[in-house]
Protein backbone atom coordinates (compact mmCIF):
# COMPACT_ATOMS: atom_id res chain seq x y z
CA MET A 1 -34.44 -8.92 -31.96
CA ALA A 2 -31.37 -7.01 -34.15
CA GLU A 3 -30.25 -7.95 -37.42
CA ARG A 4 -26.96 -9.16 -38.48
CA PRO A 5 -25.62 -7.80 -41.62
CA ASP A 6 -26.83 -11.15 -43.68
CA GLY A 7 -29.88 -10.92 -42.87
CA THR A 8 -30.30 -12.93 -40.07
CA ARG A 9 -32.45 -12.07 -36.69
CA THR A 10 -30.58 -13.08 -33.42
CA PRO A 11 -31.86 -11.92 -29.91
CA PHE A 12 -30.33 -8.68 -27.98
CA LEU A 13 -27.49 -8.99 -25.51
CA PRO A 14 -26.13 -5.88 -24.29
CA TYR A 15 -23.14 -7.42 -23.91
CA PRO A 16 -20.52 -7.92 -26.65
CA VAL A 17 -21.49 -11.08 -28.51
CA PRO A 18 -19.27 -13.11 -30.84
CA LEU A 19 -20.60 -13.47 -34.31
CA ARG A 20 -19.67 -16.61 -36.07
CA ASP A 21 -19.61 -17.45 -39.86
CA GLU A 22 -20.92 -20.71 -41.14
CA SER A 23 -17.98 -22.44 -40.38
CA GLY A 24 -17.72 -21.46 -36.65
CA GLU A 25 -14.73 -18.60 -37.06
CA LEU A 26 -15.10 -15.12 -35.55
CA ILE A 27 -15.88 -12.91 -37.82
CA GLY A 28 -16.18 -8.95 -36.83
CA ALA A 29 -14.04 -6.77 -34.86
CA LEU A 30 -13.28 -9.17 -31.87
CA GLU A 31 -11.16 -11.76 -33.51
CA HIS A 32 -8.56 -9.13 -33.56
CA GLY A 33 -9.56 -7.51 -30.25
CA ALA A 34 -6.31 -8.38 -28.13
CA GLU A 35 -4.65 -5.78 -31.26
CA THR A 36 -6.38 -3.19 -31.47
CA ARG A 37 -6.81 -3.03 -27.34
CA ALA A 38 -3.12 -3.26 -27.80
CA LEU A 39 -2.79 -0.01 -30.36
CA ASP A 40 -5.93 1.47 -28.46
CA ASP A 41 -3.94 1.48 -24.94
CA ARG A 42 -0.04 2.88 -27.16
CA LEU A 43 -2.98 5.61 -28.65
CA SER A 44 -4.46 6.61 -25.32
CA ARG A 45 -0.66 6.93 -23.14
CA THR A 46 0.19 9.18 -26.07
CA LEU A 47 -3.03 11.61 -26.76
CA ILE A 48 -3.77 11.54 -23.19
CA PRO A 49 -0.76 13.05 -22.00
CA LEU A 50 -0.40 15.62 -25.02
CA ALA A 51 -4.38 16.70 -24.63
CA LYS A 52 -3.79 17.44 -21.13
CA LEU A 53 -0.10 19.82 -22.15
CA THR A 54 -2.95 21.34 -25.00
CA THR A 55 -5.17 22.49 -22.03
CA ALA A 56 -2.84 23.21 -19.94
CA LYS A 57 -0.93 25.79 -22.64
CA GLN A 58 -4.36 27.11 -23.24
CA ALA A 59 -4.92 27.59 -19.48
CA VAL A 60 -1.79 29.93 -19.32
CA ALA A 61 -2.63 32.26 -22.25
CA LEU A 62 -5.89 32.54 -20.53
CA ALA A 63 -5.04 33.34 -16.91
CA SER A 64 -2.34 35.77 -18.38
CA GLU A 65 -5.18 37.08 -20.45
CA ALA A 66 -7.36 37.68 -17.36
CA ILE A 67 -4.24 39.24 -15.17
CA GLU A 68 -3.71 42.13 -17.93
CA SER A 69 -7.76 42.78 -19.03
CA CYS A 70 -7.69 43.71 -14.65
CA GLY A 71 -5.08 46.34 -15.60
CA GLY A 72 -2.22 47.30 -12.62
CA ALA A 73 -5.41 44.83 -10.01
CA GLY A 74 -4.46 42.13 -12.11
CA TYR A 75 -1.57 42.34 -10.59
CA VAL A 76 -2.25 42.45 -6.78
CA GLU A 77 -2.25 39.05 -4.81
CA ASP A 78 -5.60 39.52 -2.88
CA THR A 79 -7.39 39.34 -6.66
CA GLY A 80 -5.90 35.72 -6.49
CA LEU A 81 -5.22 35.76 -10.57
CA PRO A 82 -1.27 35.42 -9.93
CA ARG A 83 -2.09 32.30 -7.95
CA LEU A 84 -4.24 30.80 -11.21
CA LEU A 85 -1.59 32.31 -13.08
CA ALA A 86 1.27 29.97 -11.30
CA ASP A 87 -0.87 27.23 -11.01
CA ALA A 88 -1.47 26.90 -14.35
CA HIS A 89 2.13 27.01 -15.49
CA GLY A 90 2.62 24.09 -12.76
CA ASN A 91 0.45 22.30 -14.31
CA THR A 92 2.12 22.94 -18.33
CA ARG A 93 5.17 21.68 -16.20
CA ARG A 94 3.92 18.59 -15.13
CA CYS A 95 1.73 17.78 -18.78
CA LEU A 96 5.14 18.26 -20.18
CA THR A 97 7.07 15.91 -18.02
CA ARG A 98 3.74 13.40 -18.78
CA GLN A 99 4.56 13.48 -21.87
CA LEU A 100 8.19 13.78 -22.39
CA ASN A 101 8.31 10.15 -20.50
CA VAL A 102 5.12 8.83 -22.35
CA VAL A 103 7.39 9.81 -25.94
CA ALA A 104 10.75 8.24 -24.32
CA GLY A 105 8.61 4.99 -23.29
CA ARG A 106 9.18 5.85 -19.23
CA SER A 107 5.07 5.60 -18.89
CA THR A 108 3.51 3.86 -16.06
């Protein structure tokens, strides 16, 4: 059983149950579900690429630091570190392109 804010008790169901007031009108967030979902979708389309871009830029800095910490050996192709740096740069370019598309409204 679950207790509602008005003190009534209702069986607990593991999925969203619309709450209704005495007149039968929906109360709570469910009556605004479409607008909330639309806002969530717009925020997700903007914030997720931005988070990926930030992480990709941090990866470039980390890969550069790793190469520098190894000294001259870090620049040798056999270590694999230059490949990591190149991949990090590529990820940054892809994430930046994605973010620019989102801002321009060309997001899929």
